[in-house]
Amino acid sequence: MSGDMAIQIGREALTMVMLVSAPMLGLGLIVGIMVSIFQATTQIQEQTLSFIPKILAVFVAILIFGPWILNLLVDYTRQIFLSLPQMIR
């Protein structure tokens, strides 16, 4: 395996991690901002109030985007296994 191929595999892996984690992180961020605005306007300063909505938002994102994420991961794994003979050379 050449250095260029290793860098390409690493770059593709990092891209896959970003694609897979983006829906959960994005929805968690949006819900966190909404809860923060709600806390600021009502002056409720309870620290644990933001955890439950964020956890629920992440679970909803997993339910909604789960099939797409699974498809991405299966395609990436299939691509890695198909490129194994080229890596051994």
Protein backbone atom coordinates (compact mmCIF):
# COMPACT_ATOMS: atom_id res chain seq x y z
CA MET A 1 0.00 0.00 0.00
CA SER A 2 1.39 3.36 -0.97
CA GLY A 3 1.29 6.46 1.15
CA ASP A 4 -1.15 8.12 -1.21
CA MET A 5 -3.59 5.24 -0.91
CA ALA A 6 -3.37 5.34 2.90
CA ILE A 7 -4.07 9.07 2.88
CA GLN A 8 -7.02 8.56 0.53
CA ILE A 9 -8.49 5.84 2.77
CA GLY A 10 -8.04 8.04 5.84
CA ARG A 11 -9.67 10.99 4.11
CA GLU A 12 -12.62 8.86 3.00
CA ALA A 13 -12.98 7.47 6.53
CA LEU A 14 -13.04 10.97 8.04
CA THR A 15 -15.57 12.09 5.44
CA MET A 16 -17.74 9.08 6.29
CA VAL A 17 -17.55 9.90 10.00
CA MET A 18 -18.66 13.47 9.31
CA LEU A 19 -21.52 12.35 7.07
CA VAL A 20 -22.74 9.75 9.57
CA SER A 21 -22.58 12.03 12.60
CA ALA A 22 -23.88 15.23 10.98
CA PRO A 23 -27.64 14.56 11.27
CA MET A 24 -27.48 13.76 14.99
CA LEU A 25 -25.12 16.60 15.80
CA GLY A 26 -27.07 19.10 13.72
CA LEU A 27 -30.42 18.24 15.24
CA GLY A 28 -28.91 18.23 18.73
CA LEU A 29 -27.41 21.66 18.07
CA ILE A 30 -30.70 23.09 16.83
CA VAL A 31 -32.63 21.72 19.82
CA GLY A 32 -29.93 22.93 22.20
CA ILE A 33 -30.13 26.46 20.81
CA MET A 34 -33.92 26.42 21.02
CA VAL A 35 -33.80 25.26 24.67
CA SER A 36 -31.19 27.91 25.46
CA ILE A 37 -33.36 30.64 23.94
CA PHE A 38 -36.34 29.31 25.92
CA GLN A 39 -34.29 29.31 29.12
CA ALA A 40 -33.04 32.83 28.46
CA THR A 41 -36.51 34.22 27.80
CA THR A 42 -38.15 32.54 30.79
CA GLN A 43 -35.10 32.94 33.06
CA ILE A 44 -35.20 29.26 34.00
CA GLN A 45 -31.57 28.39 34.72
CA GLU A 46 -31.90 24.66 35.26
CA GLN A 47 -28.84 22.93 33.78
CA THR A 48 -30.48 19.52 33.38
CA LEU A 49 -33.41 20.91 31.38
CA SER A 50 -31.50 20.82 28.10
CA PHE A 51 -30.42 17.17 28.26
CA ILE A 52 -33.75 15.42 27.74
CA PRO A 53 -34.82 17.38 24.62
CA LYS A 54 -31.36 16.91 23.08
CA ILE A 55 -31.36 13.16 23.79
CA LEU A 56 -34.83 12.83 22.29
CA ALA A 57 -33.77 14.84 19.24
CA VAL A 58 -30.77 12.58 18.70
CA PHE A 59 -32.95 9.46 18.96
CA VAL A 60 -35.42 10.95 16.46
CA ALA A 61 -32.54 11.75 14.12
CA ILE A 62 -31.32 8.16 14.41
CA LEU A 63 -34.80 6.88 13.58
CA ILE A 64 -35.21 9.22 10.62
CA PHE A 65 -31.68 9.03 9.19
CA GLY A 66 -30.86 5.47 10.31
CA PRO A 67 -31.57 3.74 6.97
CA TRP A 68 -29.55 6.35 5.07
CA ILE A 69 -26.64 6.04 7.53
CA LEU A 70 -26.73 2.24 7.31
CA ASN A 71 -26.73 2.42 3.52
CA LEU A 72 -23.71 4.75 3.58
CA LEU A 73 -21.79 2.50 5.95
CA VAL A 74 -22.59 -0.68 4.00
CA ASP A 75 -21.52 0.94 0.71
CA TYR A 76 -18.29 2.21 2.28
CA THR A 77 -17.50 -1.19 3.78
CA ARG A 78 -18.22 -2.90 0.47
CA GLN A 79 -15.93 -0.41 -1.29
CA ILE A 80 -13.12 -1.08 1.21
CA PHE A 81 -13.44 -4.85 0.81
CA LEU A 82 -13.49 -4.59 -2.98
CA SER A 83 -10.34 -2.45 -2.95
CA LEU A 84 -8.39 -4.88 -0.71
CA PRO A 85 -6.64 -6.64 -3.61
CA GLN A 86 -5.33 -3.29 -4.85
CA MET A 87 -4.06 -2.44 -1.37
CA ILE A 88 -2.02 -5.61 -1.05
CA ARG A 89 0.04 -4.91 -4.16
